[in-house]
C-alpha cells in the first residue's frame, strides 16, 4: 500500500509541477497522459543542475558559442533558400515530427542528429554544416518551414537536457508570424533568434501568405555536474538515433520510425474515439493510468 501511495504521490507531483510552471497549461484531462508529465522525474536533474536560467526564454548572449550562427545567418539563409527552391525542404517521415507534417503545414531538411550520419546534409548544405559543426554542444539542426496560413498547435517537448535555438532566415517579418513561448510572443524576423526551454508550452503560427524558413537547432543545456551531462548526451544520441532519416535516401530510416507506424494508427484510433464519445474516452484514460500504477506496484511488491 505504501508503494501505491508513493507512486500516486509522484504522479500527482509530476502533473502539478508541469501545470504550475505553465502560464496556460493543457486541460487537466490531457495533462494526465501527456508525455511531458511522465518525463518530470527524468528532467529534474537538468533543471536543478542547469548553469543557465530555467526560465521559458534565455538570453542568447548567455550561450556565446551560438554567435557564429547569427553572424553568418545570410550564408545559412542562401543555402536554405537554394534547397527550398529545388524542393528539398519537404515533408518528412520522422516519427517525433509526424504530427507537424499533417496538412502540409510543416516541412524540414535535417542537418544534424547528434553523431549520426546524414549524407544529404553534408552534400547539399556544406556551408551550413561547416558552421554548426563549430558550435560546441550542438546536437540537432534542421531547416524548418512553416507554410502560409498554418499553425503548429501548442505542445511541450518532453526533454529538458537541451535548449532550442531558432534563427530566422527567410521570414515574413510580420507580427502575424510568430512563436509563443509560455504565452510570450516572439515575432519571426530575418537574422533574429530566440533561445528557449522547449519543455515550456509553445506554439508557432504563420498567418501571412509567405513561408517562414528558420534554422532550428538544439544545444546541450550546460550542467554543473559533468557525468550527468554525459549521461543525458548519451541518452539523447541513442533516443534520436531511433528516428534517424535522410532527406534524400529513404533507405536510411531508424527503427523507431518503422515501429511508429503502429503508434500513429493507435493515436488516430484514440482521436476518433475521443471525438465520438468524450466521456467514455476520459473514463478509459483514468482507468488505464490507474491500472498501470497498480500493476507497477504489484511488480515491485
Protein backbone atom coordinates (compact mmCIF):
# COMPACT_ATOMS: atom_id res chain seq x y z
CA UNK A 1 0.00 0.00 0.00
CA UNK A 2 2.85 2.38 0.81
CA UNK A 3 4.30 1.80 -2.66
CA UNK A 4 0.96 2.52 -4.33
CA UNK A 5 0.58 5.73 -2.32
CA UNK A 6 4.16 6.74 -3.20
CA UNK A 7 3.59 6.14 -6.92
CA UNK A 8 0.33 8.05 -6.82
CA UNK A 9 2.04 10.88 -4.94
CA UNK A 10 4.83 11.03 -7.52
CA UNK A 11 2.30 11.08 -10.33
CA UNK A 12 0.35 13.93 -8.71
CA UNK A 13 3.62 15.81 -8.16
CA UNK A 14 4.52 15.45 -11.86
CA UNK A 15 1.14 16.73 -13.01
CA UNK A 16 1.30 19.63 -10.56
CA UNK A 17 4.89 20.50 -11.46
CA UNK A 18 4.14 20.81 -15.18
CA UNK A 19 0.94 22.75 -14.67
CA UNK A 20 2.36 25.23 -12.15
CA UNK A 21 5.24 26.23 -14.43
CA UNK A 22 2.94 26.78 -17.40
CA UNK A 23 1.24 30.14 -17.90
CA UNK A 24 -1.52 28.43 -19.90
CA UNK A 25 -1.40 24.65 -19.32
CA UNK A 26 -3.26 21.87 -21.06
CA UNK A 27 -6.69 20.88 -19.78
CA UNK A 28 -6.20 18.55 -16.84
CA UNK A 29 -7.63 15.56 -18.71
CA UNK A 30 -4.94 15.89 -21.37
CA UNK A 31 -2.17 16.61 -18.89
CA UNK A 32 -2.87 13.32 -17.13
CA UNK A 33 -1.46 11.34 -20.06
CA UNK A 34 0.79 13.85 -21.83
CA UNK A 35 4.36 12.62 -22.30
CA UNK A 36 5.72 15.75 -20.60
CA UNK A 37 4.04 14.68 -17.33
CA UNK A 38 5.79 11.32 -17.14
CA UNK A 39 9.19 12.82 -18.00
CA UNK A 40 9.34 15.16 -14.97
CA UNK A 41 11.49 12.81 -12.80
CA UNK A 42 13.89 12.35 -15.72
CA UNK A 43 14.11 16.12 -16.27
CA UNK A 44 14.51 17.31 -12.68
CA UNK A 45 18.33 16.91 -12.61
CA UNK A 46 18.56 19.03 -15.77
CA UNK A 47 16.52 21.80 -14.15
CA UNK A 48 18.29 21.74 -10.77
CA UNK A 49 21.82 21.47 -12.21
CA UNK A 50 21.39 23.95 -15.05
CA UNK A 51 24.06 26.63 -15.38
CA UNK A 52 21.62 28.77 -17.36
CA UNK A 53 18.31 30.19 -16.14
CA UNK A 54 15.41 27.73 -16.17
CA UNK A 55 13.04 30.39 -17.46
CA UNK A 56 10.96 29.89 -20.61
CA UNK A 57 13.33 32.00 -22.71
CA UNK A 58 17.05 32.58 -22.22
CA UNK A 59 19.17 35.45 -23.47
CA UNK A 60 21.22 34.02 -26.39
CA UNK A 61 24.19 36.08 -25.17
CA UNK A 62 24.47 33.59 -22.30
CA UNK A 63 25.41 30.98 -24.93
CA UNK A 64 28.14 32.87 -26.85
CA UNK A 65 29.03 29.77 -28.89
CA UNK A 66 25.86 30.43 -30.90
CA UNK A 67 27.07 33.81 -32.16
CA UNK A 68 28.75 32.20 -35.18
CA UNK A 69 25.33 31.22 -36.50
CA UNK A 70 23.79 34.65 -36.08
CA UNK A 71 26.89 36.33 -37.55
CA UNK A 72 26.60 34.16 -40.65
CA UNK A 73 22.83 33.99 -40.97
CA UNK A 74 22.84 35.25 -44.56
CA UNK A 75 25.17 32.42 -45.63
CA UNK A 76 22.84 29.93 -43.97
CA UNK A 77 19.78 31.64 -45.49
CA UNK A 78 21.15 31.45 -49.02
CA UNK A 79 21.80 27.73 -48.67
CA UNK A 80 18.33 27.14 -47.20
CA UNK A 81 16.64 29.11 -49.98
CA UNK A 82 18.51 27.13 -52.63
CA UNK A 83 17.27 23.88 -51.08
CA UNK A 84 13.75 25.28 -50.81
CA UNK A 85 13.62 26.31 -54.45
CA UNK A 86 14.79 22.86 -55.51
CA UNK A 87 12.10 21.22 -53.39
CA UNK A 88 14.49 19.51 -50.98
CA UNK A 89 12.93 21.03 -47.86
CA UNK A 90 9.88 18.82 -47.77
CA UNK A 91 7.52 16.69 -45.71
CA UNK A 92 9.49 14.21 -43.60
CA UNK A 93 8.83 10.78 -42.14
CA UNK A 94 10.45 11.10 -38.71
CA UNK A 95 8.05 9.97 -36.00
CA UNK A 96 8.68 12.81 -33.49
CA UNK A 97 7.70 15.32 -36.18
CA UNK A 98 4.92 13.30 -37.79
CA UNK A 99 2.07 15.40 -36.41
CA UNK A 100 3.78 18.59 -37.58
CA UNK A 101 3.73 17.42 -41.19
CA UNK A 102 -0.01 16.90 -41.25
CA UNK A 103 -1.97 19.12 -43.68
CA UNK A 104 1.25 20.13 -45.43
CA UNK A 105 1.89 22.74 -42.74
CA UNK A 106 5.49 21.88 -41.87
CA UNK A 107 8.47 20.94 -43.99
CA UNK A 108 12.03 20.18 -42.98
CA UNK A 109 15.56 19.36 -44.08
CA UNK A 110 17.66 17.64 -41.42
CA UNK A 111 21.24 18.78 -40.98
CA UNK A 112 22.49 17.18 -37.77
CA UNK A 113 21.31 14.50 -35.37
CA UNK A 114 23.99 14.01 -32.71
CA UNK A 115 26.78 11.91 -34.23
CA UNK A 116 24.54 10.05 -36.67
CA UNK A 117 25.45 10.46 -40.31
CA UNK A 118 23.05 12.35 -42.61
CA UNK A 119 24.75 12.09 -46.04
CA UNK A 120 22.46 14.53 -47.86
CA UNK A 121 23.18 17.28 -45.33
CA UNK A 122 26.91 17.17 -45.97
CA UNK A 123 26.42 17.04 -49.73
CA UNK A 124 23.70 19.67 -50.10
CA UNK A 125 24.33 22.15 -47.26
CA UNK A 126 28.12 22.18 -46.79
CA UNK A 127 28.42 25.81 -45.66
CA UNK A 128 25.74 25.48 -43.00
CA UNK A 129 27.20 22.18 -41.85
CA UNK A 130 30.64 23.76 -41.51
CA UNK A 131 29.15 26.46 -39.27
CA UNK A 132 27.03 24.26 -37.00
CA UNK A 133 29.92 21.84 -36.51
CA UNK A 134 31.80 24.73 -34.88
CA UNK A 135 29.15 25.09 -32.16
CA UNK A 136 30.03 23.01 -29.06
CA UNK A 137 27.12 21.01 -27.76
CA UNK A 138 25.11 21.30 -30.97
CA UNK A 139 23.21 18.02 -31.27
CA UNK A 140 20.29 18.69 -33.60
CA UNK A 141 19.79 21.07 -36.50
CA UNK A 142 17.37 21.39 -39.39
CA UNK A 143 15.86 23.87 -41.79
CA UNK A 144 12.20 24.20 -40.79
CA UNK A 145 9.42 25.75 -42.86
CA UNK A 146 6.02 26.78 -41.54
CA UNK A 147 3.73 27.19 -44.52
CA UNK A 148 1.46 30.21 -45.12
CA UNK A 149 -1.76 30.24 -43.13
CA UNK A 150 -0.64 27.32 -40.96
CA UNK A 151 -0.01 26.77 -37.27
CA UNK A 152 1.83 24.27 -35.06
CA UNK A 153 -0.50 23.72 -32.13
CA UNK A 154 0.67 24.29 -28.58
CA UNK A 155 2.76 21.49 -27.13
CA UNK A 156 5.50 20.72 -24.62
CA UNK A 157 8.54 18.76 -25.72
CA UNK A 158 9.47 16.03 -23.24
CA UNK A 159 13.20 16.56 -22.59
CA UNK A 160 14.87 19.35 -20.60
CA UNK A 161 18.52 18.44 -21.22
CA UNK A 162 18.60 20.64 -24.34
CA UNK A 163 17.70 24.21 -25.19
CA UNK A 164 16.25 25.20 -28.54
CA UNK A 165 17.87 27.94 -30.58
CA UNK A 166 15.91 29.06 -33.63
CA UNK A 167 17.26 31.60 -36.11
CA UNK A 168 15.08 33.46 -38.62
CA UNK A 169 16.35 33.06 -42.20
CA UNK A 170 13.59 33.96 -44.64
CA UNK A 171 10.54 35.12 -42.75
CA UNK A 172 7.51 37.34 -43.41
CA UNK A 173 8.97 39.84 -40.90
CA UNK A 174 5.42 40.36 -39.75
CA UNK A 175 3.63 40.41 -36.41
CA UNK A 176 1.35 37.78 -37.93
CA UNK A 177 4.18 35.22 -37.96
CA UNK A 178 5.47 34.36 -34.53
CA UNK A 179 6.24 31.77 -31.89
CA UNK A 180 4.56 31.93 -28.48
CA UNK A 181 6.57 30.51 -25.57
CA UNK A 182 4.75 30.26 -22.26
CA UNK A 183 2.42 32.98 -23.54
CA UNK A 184 5.33 35.25 -24.57
CA UNK A 185 5.09 36.25 -28.23
CA UNK A 186 8.27 36.43 -30.33
CA UNK A 187 7.88 37.67 -33.90
CA UNK A 188 9.99 35.89 -36.52
CA UNK A 189 12.37 38.27 -38.29
CA UNK A 190 15.29 37.66 -40.64
CA UNK A 191 18.57 37.30 -38.77
CA UNK A 192 16.95 37.33 -35.32
CA UNK A 193 16.95 34.37 -32.96
CA UNK A 194 15.28 33.04 -29.84
CA UNK A 195 16.72 30.60 -27.28
CA UNK A 196 14.15 28.80 -25.15
CA UNK A 197 13.31 25.80 -22.99
CA UNK A 198 11.10 23.60 -25.17
CA UNK A 199 9.54 21.87 -22.14
CA UNK A 200 7.50 25.04 -21.64
CA UNK A 201 4.27 25.30 -23.59
CA UNK A 202 4.83 26.78 -27.03
CA UNK A 203 3.27 27.05 -30.46
CA UNK A 204 4.05 28.74 -33.78
CA UNK A 205 1.74 30.44 -36.26
CA UNK A 206 2.07 31.96 -39.71
CA UNK A 207 -0.97 33.99 -40.71
CA UNK A 208 0.78 35.52 -43.74
CA UNK A 209 0.97 34.39 -47.37
CA UNK A 210 4.73 33.74 -47.21
CA UNK A 211 6.57 30.62 -45.97
CA UNK A 212 8.60 31.06 -42.80
CA UNK A 213 12.04 29.46 -43.03
CA UNK A 214 14.25 29.14 -39.96
CA UNK A 215 17.30 27.25 -38.75
CA UNK A 216 16.04 25.22 -35.79
CA UNK A 217 18.68 23.73 -33.51
CA UNK A 218 19.05 22.06 -30.12
CA UNK A 219 22.11 22.54 -27.94
CA UNK A 220 23.10 20.78 -24.73
CA UNK A 221 21.87 22.55 -21.62
CA UNK A 222 25.10 23.22 -19.68
CA UNK A 223 25.00 21.42 -16.33
CA UNK A 224 27.04 21.74 -13.15
CA UNK A 225 27.93 18.02 -12.98
CA UNK A 226 29.80 16.60 -15.97
CA UNK A 227 28.76 12.96 -15.66
CA UNK A 228 25.08 13.95 -15.62
CA UNK A 229 25.71 15.99 -18.76
CA UNK A 230 27.36 13.00 -20.43
CA UNK A 231 24.50 10.69 -19.41
CA UNK A 232 21.92 12.97 -20.99
CA UNK A 233 24.03 13.31 -24.14
CA UNK A 234 24.35 9.53 -24.46
CA UNK A 235 20.62 9.09 -23.96
CA UNK A 236 19.85 11.82 -26.49
CA UNK A 237 22.08 10.22 -29.10
CA UNK A 238 20.50 6.80 -28.58
CA UNK A 239 16.90 8.03 -28.49
CA UNK A 240 17.16 10.33 -31.50
CA UNK A 241 19.07 7.69 -33.44
CA UNK A 242 15.92 5.57 -33.35
CA UNK A 243 14.28 8.19 -35.58
CA UNK A 244 17.15 8.89 -37.97
CA UNK A 245 16.16 9.87 -41.51
CA UNK A 246 17.96 11.20 -44.53
CA UNK A 247 16.49 13.96 -46.65
CA UNK A 248 17.05 12.05 -49.90
CA UNK A 249 17.99 8.42 -49.22
CA UNK A 250 14.82 6.72 -47.97
CA UNK A 251 16.75 3.57 -47.09
CA UNK A 252 18.13 5.46 -44.08
CA UNK A 253 15.25 5.09 -41.65
CA UNK A 254 15.57 4.42 -37.91
CA UNK A 255 13.76 1.54 -36.29
CA UNK A 256 11.66 3.97 -34.27
CA UNK A 257 10.12 5.35 -37.44
CA UNK A 258 9.27 1.86 -38.68
CA UNK A 259 7.65 0.84 -35.41
CA UNK A 260 5.99 4.23 -35.20
CA UNK A 261 3.52 3.48 -37.96
CA UNK A 262 1.63 1.31 -35.49
CA UNK A 263 1.79 4.07 -32.89
CA UNK A 264 0.35 6.58 -35.34
CA UNK A 265 -2.51 4.21 -36.11
CA UNK A 266 -3.16 3.86 -32.36
CA UNK A 267 -3.17 7.64 -31.91
CA UNK A 268 -5.61 8.01 -34.80
CA UNK A 269 -7.91 5.49 -33.12
CA UNK A 270 -7.78 7.41 -29.82
CA UNK A 271 -8.56 10.67 -31.59
CA UNK A 272 -11.56 9.09 -33.30
CA UNK A 273 -12.73 7.54 -30.01
CA UNK A 274 -12.50 10.89 -28.23
CA UNK A 275 -14.47 12.62 -30.96
CA UNK A 276 -17.27 10.03 -30.85
CA UNK A 277 -17.57 9.67 -27.07
CA UNK A 278 -15.50 12.07 -24.98
CA UNK A 279 -16.84 10.98 -21.52
CA UNK A 280 -16.00 7.33 -22.28
CA UNK A 281 -12.59 8.38 -23.57
CA UNK A 282 -11.77 10.29 -20.37
CA UNK A 283 -13.06 7.47 -18.14
CA UNK A 284 -10.99 4.87 -20.00
CA UNK A 285 -7.89 7.05 -19.72
CA UNK A 286 -8.27 7.33 -15.94
CA UNK A 287 -8.87 3.57 -15.64
CA UNK A 288 -5.83 2.70 -17.77
CA UNK A 289 -3.48 5.04 -15.90
CA UNK A 290 -4.77 3.80 -12.53
CA UNK A 291 -4.42 0.18 -13.64
CA UNK A 292 -0.89 0.80 -14.84
CA UNK A 293 0.10 2.27 -11.47
CA UNK A 294 -1.40 -0.72 -9.67
CA UNK A 295 0.42 -3.13 -12.00
CA UNK A 296 3.75 -1.42 -11.39
CA UNK A 297 3.14 -1.52 -7.65
CA UNK A 298 2.32 -5.25 -7.76
CA UNK A 299 5.56 -5.98 -9.62
CA UNK A 300 7.60 -4.02 -7.10
CA UNK A 301 5.92 -5.72 -4.15
